[in-house]
Amino acid sequence: MEELIPWLYLKGVSTGDFSEALKALLGVDAPGLSATTVTRLKAVWEEEFEEWSKRSLAGKQYVYVWVDGVHFNIRLAEDRQCILVLMGATAEGKKELIAVADGFRESEQSWLALLLDVKARGLAIDPKLAIGDGALGFWKAVRQVGPNTGEQRCWVHKTANVLDKLPKRLQAEAKQKLHAIWMADRKQHAQEAFDLFVKTYEAKYPKAVECLVKDREVLLTFYDFPAEHGGHLRTTNPIESTFATVRLRTQRTKGNGSRIACLTMVYKLMESASKKWRLLNGSPLLGEVIQGVPFVDGIRAQEAAA
């Protein structure tokens, strides 16, 4: 129930229709929820969200962070709301939700405000790597706040953007060639697969190639970290998977009535989902990443040179 109510609200179900919706989903014996009860729950959750958003982050360290902007429609506002989501991996390999904030079209200023806020609340140590979509204003913001944080572009976003610039008849073949890049066992082999894609499509489809080439280096940053972490570092999947069915980049809903209600429901969804998040693969290696041990092609540099 705790998880279902935020989902229903984000999908645009009005408070007065909750009882009917729950009976349809859970059966006639489902507990009834009056509009008054739902309204009271929402008020409690808003208080929880406000307290959580002001909590101290002193002593916290996140080795990796995932960032994304999630879009929703708001019935009482002209613009779609962009929720900025910041997740992190602790030194023990546990994924945690760091911040959920209201943004303006994923702009640099919105991300800068969020990053400055978490620093003001005590998050003093910069992450070793950030993973996100290249279109985010986050990258300009993080260079001002955490210039030593490495950059890794999300391969899921990049693949979709590149394929969108190719005719449908070529997309399956092109997707295989893109997969060959990030699936390569060594960065050199990834570079060779990268060059093959460029040579194959640059003459007839320069926009697709340009979209890929502009982020060449930051698409391959993950090779400089432990191979065990690669699957976690290539995409923003920790965020994407939570919002797969409500993102308005791919589908529309009626939307929420207010911006604070949307923020609160996003927070509750992430809080619920976090109970199922698993530790990062190769978590013991995070200590070496923190210490600055160099990795080449996913293995320790000393071992790679041996």
C-alpha atoms as a PDB file:
ATOM      1  CA  MET A   1       0.000   0.000   0.000  1.00  0.00           C
ATOM      2  CA  GLU A   2       2.828   2.379   0.918  1.00  0.00           C
ATOM      3  CA  GLU A   3       4.297   1.935  -2.555  1.00  0.00           C
ATOM      4  CA  LEU A   4       1.028   1.801  -4.470  1.00  0.00           C
ATOM      5  CA  ILE A   5      -0.430   5.095  -3.279  1.00  0.00           C
ATOM      6  CA  PRO A   6       2.453   7.262  -4.622  1.00  0.00           C
ATOM      7  CA  TRP A   7       2.298   5.400  -7.944  1.00  0.00           C
ATOM      8  CA  LEU A   8      -1.431   6.053  -8.272  1.00  0.00           C
ATOM      9  CA  TYR A   9      -0.977   9.707  -7.421  1.00  0.00           C
ATOM     10  CA  LEU A  10       1.817  10.165  -9.950  1.00  0.00           C
ATOM     11  CA  LYS A  11      -0.334   8.457 -12.564  1.00  0.00           C
ATOM     12  CA  GLY A  12      -2.957  11.168 -12.093  1.00  0.00           C
ATOM     13  CA  VAL A  13      -5.578   9.346 -10.003  1.00  0.00           C
ATOM     14  CA  SER A  14      -7.493  11.886  -7.917  1.00  0.00           C
ATOM     15  CA  THR A  15      -7.760  11.416  -4.153  1.00  0.00           C
ATOM     16  CA  GLY A  16     -11.501  10.789  -4.408  1.00  0.00           C
ATOM     17  CA  ASP A  17     -10.951   7.863  -6.775  1.00  0.00           C
ATOM     18  CA  PHE A  18      -8.364   6.020  -4.663  1.00  0.00           C
ATOM     19  CA  SER A  19     -10.797   3.553  -3.072  1.00  0.00           C
ATOM     20  CA  GLU A  20     -12.205   2.539  -6.449  1.00  0.00           C
ATOM     21  CA  ALA A  21      -8.714   2.237  -7.949  1.00  0.00           C
ATOM     22  CA  LEU A  22      -7.439   0.097  -5.067  1.00  0.00           C
ATOM     23  CA  LYS A  23     -10.424  -2.248  -5.306  1.00  0.00           C
ATOM     24  CA  ALA A  24      -9.850  -2.628  -9.040  1.00  0.00           C
ATOM     25  CA  LEU A  25      -6.188  -3.478  -8.461  1.00  0.00           C
ATOM     26  CA  LEU A  26      -6.357  -5.480  -5.239  1.00  0.00           C
ATOM     27  CA  GLY A  27      -9.887  -6.882  -5.225  1.00  0.00           C
ATOM     28  CA  VAL A  28     -13.141  -6.038  -3.490  1.00  0.00           C
ATOM     29  CA  ASP A  29     -11.656  -6.832  -0.070  1.00  0.00           C
ATOM     30  CA  ALA A  30      -9.016  -4.116  -0.434  1.00  0.00           C
ATOM     31  CA  PRO A  31      -9.010  -1.633   2.459  1.00  0.00           C
ATOM     32  CA  GLY A  32     -10.900   1.533   1.669  1.00  0.00           C
ATOM     33  CA  LEU A  33      -9.166   4.884   1.652  1.00  0.00           C
ATOM     34  CA  SER A  34     -11.249   8.006   1.797  1.00  0.00           C
ATOM     35  CA  ALA A  35     -10.163  11.243   0.149  1.00  0.00           C
ATOM     36  CA  THR A  36      -9.657  12.689   3.636  1.00  0.00           C
ATOM     37  CA  THR A  37      -7.358   9.816   4.627  1.00  0.00           C
ATOM     38  CA  VAL A  38      -5.281  10.181   1.452  1.00  0.00           C
ATOM     39  CA  THR A  39      -5.025  13.945   1.945  1.00  0.00           C
ATOM     40  CA  ARG A  40      -3.824  13.383   5.513  1.00  0.00           C
ATOM     41  CA  LEU A  41      -1.238  10.843   4.302  1.00  0.00           C
ATOM     42  CA  LYS A  42       0.030  13.312   1.708  1.00  0.00           C
ATOM     43  CA  ALA A  43       0.443  15.992   4.387  1.00  0.00           C
ATOM     44  CA  VAL A  44       2.474  13.612   6.561  1.00  0.00           C
ATOM     45  CA  TRP A  45       4.654  12.639   3.601  1.00  0.00           C
ATOM     46  CA  GLU A  46       5.262  16.286   2.723  1.00  0.00           C
ATOM     47  CA  GLU A  47       6.539  16.876   6.260  1.00  0.00           C
ATOM     48  CA  GLU A  48       8.777  13.804   5.972  1.00  0.00           C
ATOM     49  CA  PHE A  49      10.150  15.064   2.675  1.00  0.00           C
ATOM     50  CA  GLU A  50      10.866  18.530   4.084  1.00  0.00           C
ATOM     51  CA  GLU A  51      12.770  17.038   7.026  1.00  0.00           C
ATOM     52  CA  TRP A  52      14.670  14.628   4.790  1.00  0.00           C
ATOM     53  CA  SER A  53      15.630  17.455   2.406  1.00  0.00           C
ATOM     54  CA  LYS A  54      17.237  19.357   5.289  1.00  0.00           C
ATOM     55  CA  ARG A  55      19.037  16.407   6.941  1.00  0.00           C
ATOM     56  CA  SER A  56      22.758  16.641   7.667  1.00  0.00           C
ATOM     57  CA  LEU A  57      25.125  14.935   5.223  1.00  0.00           C
ATOM     58  CA  ALA A  58      28.186  15.484   7.408  1.00  0.00           C
ATOM     59  CA  GLY A  59      30.520  12.493   7.331  1.00  0.00           C
ATOM     60  CA  LYS A  60      28.922  11.051   4.201  1.00  0.00           C
ATOM     61  CA  GLN A  61      31.017   9.989   1.233  1.00  0.00           C
ATOM     62  CA  TYR A  62      29.700   8.857  -2.138  1.00  0.00           C
ATOM     63  CA  VAL A  63      32.243   7.258  -4.449  1.00  0.00           C
ATOM     64  CA  TYR A  64      29.949   7.331  -7.478  1.00  0.00           C
ATOM     65  CA  VAL A  65      26.857   9.427  -8.179  1.00  0.00           C
ATOM     66  CA  TRP A  66      24.108   9.003 -10.767  1.00  0.00           C
ATOM     67  CA  VAL A  67      22.177  12.075 -11.909  1.00  0.00           C
ATOM     68  CA  ASP A  68      19.086  12.595 -14.031  1.00  0.00           C
ATOM     69  CA  GLY A  69      16.119  14.880 -14.602  1.00  0.00           C
ATOM     70  CA  VAL A  70      12.697  13.214 -14.488  1.00  0.00           C
ATOM     71  CA  HIS A  71       9.800  15.081 -16.137  1.00  0.00           C
ATOM     72  CA  PHE A  72       6.160  15.187 -15.011  1.00  0.00           C
ATOM     73  CA  ASN A  73       3.073  17.145 -15.972  1.00  0.00           C
ATOM     74  CA  ILE A  74       1.563  19.436 -13.350  1.00  0.00           C
ATOM     75  CA  ARG A  75      -2.127  20.180 -13.767  1.00  0.00           C
ATOM     76  CA  LEU A  76      -1.906  23.561 -12.063  1.00  0.00           C
ATOM     77  CA  ALA A  77       1.225  24.781 -13.868  1.00  0.00           C
ATOM     78  CA  GLU A  78       1.989  25.683 -17.460  1.00  0.00           C
ATOM     79  CA  ASP A  79       5.407  24.015 -17.669  1.00  0.00           C
ATOM     80  CA  ARG A  80       6.274  20.383 -17.116  1.00  0.00           C
ATOM     81  CA  GLN A  81       8.042  19.875 -13.828  1.00  0.00           C
ATOM     82  CA  CYS A  82      11.603  18.592 -13.913  1.00  0.00           C
ATOM     83  CA  ILE A  83      12.611  16.655 -10.810  1.00  0.00           C
ATOM     84  CA  LEU A  84      16.379  16.533 -10.317  1.00  0.00           C
ATOM     85  CA  VAL A  85      17.471  13.215  -8.814  1.00  0.00           C
ATOM     86  CA  LEU A  86      20.892  12.590  -7.259  1.00  0.00           C
ATOM     87  CA  MET A  87      21.824   9.064  -6.154  1.00  0.00           C
ATOM     88  CA  GLY A  88      25.107   7.820  -4.781  1.00  0.00           C
ATOM     89  CA  ALA A  89      27.123   4.717  -3.903  1.00  0.00           C
ATOM     90  CA  THR A  90      28.708   4.734  -0.449  1.00  0.00           C
ATOM     91  CA  ALA A  91      32.180   3.441   0.378  1.00  0.00           C
ATOM     92  CA  GLU A  92      30.490   0.170   1.377  1.00  0.00           C
ATOM     93  CA  GLY A  93      28.770  -0.154  -2.009  1.00  0.00           C
ATOM     94  CA  LYS A  94      25.277   0.748  -0.819  1.00  0.00           C
ATOM     95  CA  LYS A  95      23.124   2.859  -3.134  1.00  0.00           C
ATOM     96  CA  GLU A  96      21.437   5.810  -1.459  1.00  0.00           C
ATOM     97  CA  LEU A  97      19.145   8.608  -2.560  1.00  0.00           C
ATOM     98  CA  ILE A  98      21.036  11.848  -1.864  1.00  0.00           C
ATOM     99  CA  ALA A  99      18.674  14.553  -3.082  1.00  0.00           C
ATOM    100  CA  VAL A 100      15.398  15.170  -4.908  1.00  0.00           C
ATOM    101  CA  ALA A 101      14.846  18.749  -5.982  1.00  0.00           C
ATOM    102  CA  ASP A 102      12.649  20.920  -8.166  1.00  0.00           C
ATOM    103  CA  GLY A 103      14.492  22.011 -11.303  1.00  0.00           C
ATOM    104  CA  PHE A 104      13.925  24.174 -14.339  1.00  0.00           C
ATOM    105  CA  ARG A 105      14.467  22.131 -17.510  1.00  0.00           C
ATOM    106  CA  GLU A 106      17.575  20.442 -16.094  1.00  0.00           C
ATOM    107  CA  SER A 107      19.398  23.785 -16.261  1.00  0.00           C
ATOM    108  CA  GLU A 108      22.908  24.526 -15.023  1.00  0.00           C
ATOM    109  CA  GLN A 109      21.553  26.915 -12.398  1.00  0.00           C
ATOM    110  CA  SER A 110      19.105  24.332 -11.019  1.00  0.00           C
ATOM    111  CA  TRP A 111      21.830  21.702 -10.694  1.00  0.00           C
ATOM    112  CA  LEU A 112      24.238  24.225  -9.197  1.00  0.00           C
ATOM    113  CA  ALA A 113      21.688  25.112  -6.524  1.00  0.00           C
ATOM    114  CA  LEU A 114      21.221  21.423  -5.677  1.00  0.00           C
ATOM    115  CA  LEU A 115      24.976  20.712  -5.501  1.00  0.00           C
ATOM    116  CA  LEU A 116      25.644  23.766  -3.365  1.00  0.00           C
ATOM    117  CA  ASP A 117      22.813  22.726  -1.041  1.00  0.00           C
ATOM    118  CA  VAL A 118      24.213  19.220  -0.402  1.00  0.00           C
ATOM    119  CA  LYS A 119      27.647  20.741   0.221  1.00  0.00           C
ATOM    120  CA  ALA A 120      26.155  23.224   2.674  1.00  0.00           C
ATOM    121  CA  ARG A 121      24.593  20.293   4.515  1.00  0.00           C
ATOM    122  CA  GLY A 122      27.998  18.680   4.998  1.00  0.00           C
ATOM    123  CA  LEU A 123      28.807  16.621   1.887  1.00  0.00           C
ATOM    124  CA  ALA A 124      32.435  17.721   1.750  1.00  0.00           C
ATOM    125  CA  ILE A 125      34.082  14.928  -0.264  1.00  0.00           C
ATOM    126  CA  ASP A 126      33.649  15.033  -4.042  1.00  0.00           C
ATOM    127  CA  PRO A 127      32.579  11.798  -5.790  1.00  0.00           C
ATOM    128  CA  LYS A 128      35.191  10.038  -7.891  1.00  0.00           C
ATOM    129  CA  LEU A 129      32.772   9.703 -10.825  1.00  0.00           C
ATOM    130  CA  ALA A 130      29.385  11.056 -11.923  1.00  0.00           C
ATOM    131  CA  ILE A 131      27.163   9.255 -14.437  1.00  0.00           C
ATOM    132  CA  GLY A 132      24.500  11.084 -16.433  1.00  0.00           C
ATOM    133  CA  ASP A 133      23.020  12.162 -19.749  1.00  0.00           C
ATOM    134  CA  GLY A 134      25.130  14.576 -21.789  1.00  0.00           C
ATOM    135  CA  ALA A 135      22.222  17.016 -22.167  1.00  0.00           C
ATOM    136  CA  LEU A 136      22.106  17.822 -18.454  1.00  0.00           C
ATOM    137  CA  GLY A 137      23.137  21.226 -17.146  1.00  0.00           C
ATOM    138  CA  PHE A 138      24.673  19.153 -14.352  1.00  0.00           C
ATOM    139  CA  TRP A 139      28.046  18.910 -16.087  1.00  0.00           C
ATOM    140  CA  LYS A 140      28.643  22.661 -16.151  1.00  0.00           C
ATOM    141  CA  ALA A 141      27.491  22.890 -12.547  1.00  0.00           C
ATOM    142  CA  VAL A 142      29.653  20.065 -11.205  1.00  0.00           C
ATOM    143  CA  ARG A 143      32.792  21.578 -12.760  1.00  0.00           C
ATOM    144  CA  GLN A 144      32.224  24.589 -10.518  1.00  0.00           C
ATOM    145  CA  VAL A 145      31.466  22.639  -7.348  1.00  0.00           C
ATOM    146  CA  GLY A 146      33.446  19.399  -7.730  1.00  0.00           C
ATOM    147  CA  PRO A 147      36.042  19.883 -10.480  1.00  0.00           C
ATOM    148  CA  ASN A 148      37.862  16.663  -9.568  1.00  0.00           C
ATOM    149  CA  THR A 149      34.816  14.475 -10.195  1.00  0.00           C
ATOM    150  CA  GLY A 150      35.205  12.302 -13.293  1.00  0.00           C
ATOM    151  CA  GLU A 151      32.563  12.235 -16.044  1.00  0.00           C
ATOM    152  CA  GLN A 152      30.832   9.220 -17.539  1.00  0.00           C
ATOM    153  CA  ARG A 153      28.056   9.656 -20.098  1.00  0.00           C
ATOM    154  CA  CYS A 154      25.121   7.257 -19.944  1.00  0.00           C
ATOM    155  CA  TRP A 155      25.245   4.727 -22.783  1.00  0.00           C
ATOM    156  CA  VAL A 156      21.470   4.192 -22.752  1.00  0.00           C
ATOM    157  CA  HIS A 157      20.791   7.880 -23.388  1.00  0.00           C
ATOM    158  CA  LYS A 158      23.578   8.126 -25.941  1.00  0.00           C
ATOM    159  CA  THR A 159      22.454   5.049 -27.870  1.00  0.00           C
ATOM    160  CA  ALA A 160      18.877   6.351 -28.085  1.00  0.00           C
ATOM    161  CA  ASN A 161      20.067   9.780 -29.247  1.00  0.00           C
ATOM    162  CA  VAL A 162      22.361   8.357 -31.931  1.00  0.00           C
ATOM    163  CA  LEU A 163      19.812   5.868 -33.281  1.00  0.00           C
ATOM    164  CA  ASP A 164      17.214   8.632 -33.463  1.00  0.00           C
ATOM    165  CA  LYS A 165      19.382  10.264 -36.134  1.00  0.00           C
ATOM    166  CA  LEU A 166      19.497   7.145 -38.317  1.00  0.00           C
ATOM    167  CA  PRO A 167      16.772   5.627 -40.533  1.00  0.00           C
ATOM    168  CA  LYS A 168      14.873   2.776 -38.913  1.00  0.00           C
ATOM    169  CA  ARG A 169      16.190   0.223 -41.396  1.00  0.00           C
ATOM    170  CA  LEU A 170      19.741   0.820 -40.114  1.00  0.00           C
ATOM    171  CA  GLN A 171      19.034   1.074 -36.405  1.00  0.00           C
ATOM    172  CA  ALA A 172      19.378  -2.623 -35.504  1.00  0.00           C
ATOM    173  CA  GLU A 173      22.773  -2.887 -37.190  1.00  0.00           C
ATOM    174  CA  ALA A 174      23.939   0.429 -35.740  1.00  0.00           C
ATOM    175  CA  LYS A 175      22.849  -0.629 -32.259  1.00  0.00           C
ATOM    176  CA  GLN A 176      25.039  -3.731 -32.509  1.00  0.00           C
ATOM    177  CA  LYS A 177      28.005  -1.572 -33.498  1.00  0.00           C
ATOM    178  CA  LEU A 178      27.376   0.748 -30.540  1.00  0.00           C
ATOM    179  CA  HIS A 179      27.172  -2.220 -28.180  1.00  0.00           C
ATOM    180  CA  ALA A 180      30.492  -3.453 -29.531  1.00  0.00           C
ATOM    181  CA  ILE A 181      32.092  -0.253 -28.215  1.00  0.00           C
ATOM    182  CA  TRP A 182      31.107  -0.460 -24.563  1.00  0.00           C
ATOM    183  CA  MET A 183      31.266  -4.262 -24.470  1.00  0.00           C
ATOM    184  CA  ALA A 184      34.928  -4.295 -25.553  1.00  0.00           C
ATOM    185  CA  ASP A 185      37.282  -5.864 -22.988  1.00  0.00           C
ATOM    186  CA  ARG A 186      39.861  -3.075 -23.322  1.00  0.00           C
ATOM    187  CA  LYS A 187      39.687   0.648 -24.009  1.00  0.00           C
ATOM    188  CA  GLN A 188      41.861   0.227 -27.113  1.00  0.00           C
ATOM    189  CA  HIS A 189      39.386  -2.270 -28.544  1.00  0.00           C
ATOM    190  CA  ALA A 190      36.557   0.130 -27.677  1.00  0.00           C
ATOM    191  CA  GLN A 191      38.377   2.890 -29.574  1.00  0.00           C
ATOM    192  CA  GLU A 192      38.698   0.601 -32.598  1.00  0.00           C
ATOM    193  CA  ALA A 193      34.966  -0.225 -32.472  1.00  0.00           C
ATOM    194  CA  PHE A 194      34.287   3.504 -32.119  1.00  0.00           C
ATOM    195  CA  ASP A 195      36.339   4.234 -35.249  1.00  0.00           C
ATOM    196  CA  LEU A 196      34.475   1.530 -37.174  1.00  0.00           C
ATOM    197  CA  PHE A 197      31.117   3.120 -36.328  1.00  0.00           C
ATOM    198  CA  VAL A 198      32.380   6.524 -37.447  1.00  0.00           C
ATOM    199  CA  LYS A 199      33.739   5.214 -40.770  1.00  0.00           C
ATOM    200  CA  THR A 200      30.531   3.269 -41.430  1.00  0.00           C
ATOM    201  CA  TYR A 201      28.096   6.165 -41.002  1.00  0.00           C
ATOM    202  CA  GLU A 202      29.920   9.508 -41.228  1.00  0.00           C
ATOM    203  CA  ALA A 203      29.471  10.011 -44.995  1.00  0.00           C
ATOM    204  CA  LYS A 204      25.683   9.614 -45.133  1.00  0.00           C
ATOM    205  CA  TYR A 205      24.669  10.270 -41.524  1.00  0.00           C
ATOM    206  CA  PRO A 206      27.007  12.943 -40.112  1.00  0.00           C
ATOM    207  CA  LYS A 207      24.548  14.063 -37.416  1.00  0.00           C
ATOM    208  CA  ALA A 208      24.455  10.583 -35.878  1.00  0.00           C
ATOM    209  CA  VAL A 209      28.240  10.395 -35.892  1.00  0.00           C
ATOM    210  CA  GLU A 210      28.603  13.897 -34.485  1.00  0.00           C
ATOM    211  CA  CYS A 211      26.232  13.015 -31.642  1.00  0.00           C
ATOM    212  CA  LEU A 212      28.467  10.082 -30.707  1.00  0.00           C
ATOM    213  CA  VAL A 213      31.889  11.631 -31.290  1.00  0.00           C
ATOM    214  CA  LYS A 214      31.312  14.764 -29.202  1.00  0.00           C
ATOM    215  CA  ASP A 215      31.302  12.643 -26.030  1.00  0.00           C
ATOM    216  CA  ARG A 216      33.920  10.106 -27.110  1.00  0.00           C
ATOM    217  CA  GLU A 217      36.252  10.325 -24.128  1.00  0.00           C
ATOM    218  CA  VAL A 218      33.587  10.610 -21.439  1.00  0.00           C
ATOM    219  CA  LEU A 219      31.743   7.606 -22.856  1.00  0.00           C
ATOM    220  CA  LEU A 220      34.800   5.462 -22.102  1.00  0.00           C
ATOM    221  CA  THR A 221      35.747   6.742 -18.641  1.00  0.00           C
ATOM    222  CA  PHE A 222      34.475   3.557 -16.998  1.00  0.00           C
ATOM    223  CA  TYR A 223      37.538   1.666 -18.290  1.00  0.00           C
ATOM    224  CA  ASP A 224      39.577   3.633 -15.711  1.00  0.00           C
ATOM    225  CA  PHE A 225      37.623   2.035 -12.862  1.00  0.00           C
ATOM    226  CA  PRO A 226      37.311  -1.570 -11.658  1.00  0.00           C
ATOM    227  CA  ALA A 227      35.760  -3.878 -14.251  1.00  0.00           C
ATOM    228  CA  GLU A 228      33.409  -5.185 -11.549  1.00  0.00           C
ATOM    229  CA  HIS A 229      31.877  -1.715 -11.375  1.00  0.00           C
ATOM    230  CA  GLY A 230      31.509  -1.250 -15.135  1.00  0.00           C
ATOM    231  CA  GLY A 231      27.929  -2.461 -15.342  1.00  0.00           C
ATOM    232  CA  HIS A 232      26.919   0.103 -12.722  1.00  0.00           C
ATOM    233  CA  LEU A 233      28.879   2.958 -14.277  1.00  0.00           C
ATOM    234  CA  ARG A 234      27.855   2.837 -17.933  1.00  0.00           C
ATOM    235  CA  THR A 235      24.257   3.976 -17.420  1.00  0.00           C
ATOM    236  CA  THR A 236      21.915   5.863 -15.114  1.00  0.00           C
ATOM    237  CA  ASN A 237      19.876   2.656 -14.721  1.00  0.00           C
ATOM    238  CA  PRO A 238      19.560   2.986 -10.910  1.00  0.00           C
ATOM    239  CA  ILE A 239      17.372   6.049 -11.556  1.00  0.00           C
ATOM    240  CA  GLU A 240      15.892   4.967 -14.892  1.00  0.00           C
ATOM    241  CA  SER A 241      14.558   1.653 -13.594  1.00  0.00           C
ATOM    242  CA  THR A 242      12.657   3.335 -10.758  1.00  0.00           C
ATOM    243  CA  PHE A 243      10.848   5.738 -13.085  1.00  0.00           C
ATOM    244  CA  ALA A 244      10.546   3.606 -16.211  1.00  0.00           C
ATOM    245  CA  THR A 245       6.739   3.658 -16.203  1.00  0.00           C
ATOM    246  CA  VAL A 246       6.126   7.266 -15.229  1.00  0.00           C
ATOM    247  CA  ARG A 247       8.683   9.263 -17.178  1.00  0.00           C
ATOM    248  CA  LEU A 248       6.979  11.723 -19.477  1.00  0.00           C
ATOM    249  CA  ARG A 249       9.802  11.588 -21.976  1.00  0.00           C
ATOM    250  CA  THR A 250       8.092   8.448 -23.233  1.00  0.00           C
ATOM    251  CA  GLN A 251       4.471   8.734 -22.074  1.00  0.00           C
ATOM    252  CA  ARG A 252       1.980  11.210 -20.658  1.00  0.00           C
ATOM    253  CA  THR A 253      -0.175  11.141 -17.564  1.00  0.00           C
ATOM    254  CA  LYS A 254      -2.732  13.552 -16.204  1.00  0.00           C
ATOM    255  CA  GLY A 255      -0.065  14.733 -13.787  1.00  0.00           C
ATOM    256  CA  ASN A 256      -0.060  16.008 -10.236  1.00  0.00           C
ATOM    257  CA  GLY A 257      -1.999  18.951  -8.911  1.00  0.00           C
ATOM    258  CA  SER A 258       0.980  20.806  -7.433  1.00  0.00           C
ATOM    259  CA  ARG A 259       4.748  20.863  -7.631  1.00  0.00           C
ATOM    260  CA  ILE A 260       5.309  20.039  -3.956  1.00  0.00           C
ATOM    261  CA  ALA A 261       2.958  17.066  -4.260  1.00  0.00           C
ATOM    262  CA  CYS A 262       4.966  15.779  -7.208  1.00  0.00           C
ATOM    263  CA  LEU A 263       8.255  16.199  -5.325  1.00  0.00           C
ATOM    264  CA  THR A 264       6.840  14.386  -2.327  1.00  0.00           C
ATOM    265  CA  MET A 265       5.541  11.451  -4.359  1.00  0.00           C
ATOM    266  CA  VAL A 266       8.856  11.096  -6.211  1.00  0.00           C
ATOM    267  CA  TYR A 267      10.616  11.000  -2.850  1.00  0.00           C
ATOM    268  CA  LYS A 268       8.233   8.339  -1.538  1.00  0.00           C
ATOM    269  CA  LEU A 269       8.713   6.202  -4.649  1.00  0.00           C
ATOM    270  CA  MET A 270      12.489   6.393  -4.370  1.00  0.00           C
ATOM    271  CA  GLU A 271      12.343   5.651  -0.649  1.00  0.00           C
ATOM    272  CA  SER A 272      10.251   2.559  -1.313  1.00  0.00           C
ATOM    273  CA  ALA A 273      12.444   1.404  -4.200  1.00  0.00           C
ATOM    274  CA  SER A 274      15.616   1.845  -2.136  1.00  0.00           C
ATOM    275  CA  LYS A 275      14.618  -1.092   0.050  1.00  0.00           C
ATOM    276  CA  LYS A 276      15.299  -3.359  -2.933  1.00  0.00           C
ATOM    277  CA  TRP A 277      18.556  -1.791  -4.134  1.00  0.00           C
ATOM    278  CA  ARG A 278      21.460  -4.217  -3.982  1.00  0.00           C
ATOM    279  CA  LEU A 279      25.117  -3.595  -3.235  1.00  0.00           C
ATOM    280  CA  LEU A 280      27.460  -2.766  -6.083  1.00  0.00           C
ATOM    281  CA  ASN A 281      29.352  -5.662  -7.578  1.00  0.00           C
ATOM    282  CA  GLY A 282      32.937  -5.699  -6.353  1.00  0.00           C
ATOM    283  CA  SER A 283      32.120  -3.451  -3.398  1.00  0.00           C
ATOM    284  CA  PRO A 284      35.444  -4.205  -1.614  1.00  0.00           C
ATOM    285  CA  LEU A 285      37.253  -2.484  -4.497  1.00  0.00           C
ATOM    286  CA  LEU A 286      35.634   0.844  -3.629  1.00  0.00           C
ATOM    287  CA  GLY A 287      38.251   1.328  -0.946  1.00  0.00           C
ATOM    288  CA  GLU A 288      40.966   1.243  -3.601  1.00  0.00           C
ATOM    289  CA  VAL A 289      39.032   3.722  -5.769  1.00  0.00           C
ATOM    290  CA  ILE A 290      38.832   6.078  -2.788  1.00  0.00           C
ATOM    291  CA  GLN A 291      42.578   5.718  -2.184  1.00  0.00           C
ATOM    292  CA  GLY A 292      43.279   6.638  -5.801  1.00  0.00           C
ATOM    293  CA  VAL A 293      44.638   3.270  -6.930  1.00  0.00           C
ATOM    294  CA  PRO A 294      44.895   3.562 -10.738  1.00  0.00           C
ATOM    295  CA  PHE A 295      42.978   1.126 -12.922  1.00  0.00           C
ATOM    296  CA  VAL A 296      43.625   0.411 -16.602  1.00  0.00           C
ATOM    297  CA  ASP A 297      41.082  -1.470 -18.676  1.00  0.00           C
ATOM    298  CA  GLY A 298      39.235  -2.341 -15.474  1.00  0.00           C
ATOM    299  CA  ILE A 299      42.189  -3.887 -13.636  1.00  0.00           C
ATOM    300  CA  ARG A 300      44.843  -2.452 -11.325  1.00  0.00           C
ATOM    301  CA  ALA A 301      47.506  -0.611 -13.295  1.00  0.00           C
ATOM    302  CA  GLN A 302      50.281  -2.636 -11.662  1.00  0.00           C
ATOM    303  CA  GLU A 303      48.623  -5.889 -12.763  1.00  0.00           C
ATOM    304  CA  ALA A 304      47.975  -4.514 -16.266  1.00  0.00           C
ATOM    305  CA  ALA A 305      51.671  -3.640 -16.636  1.00  0.00           C
ATOM    306  CA  ALA A 306      52.863  -7.026 -15.379  1.00  0.00           C
END
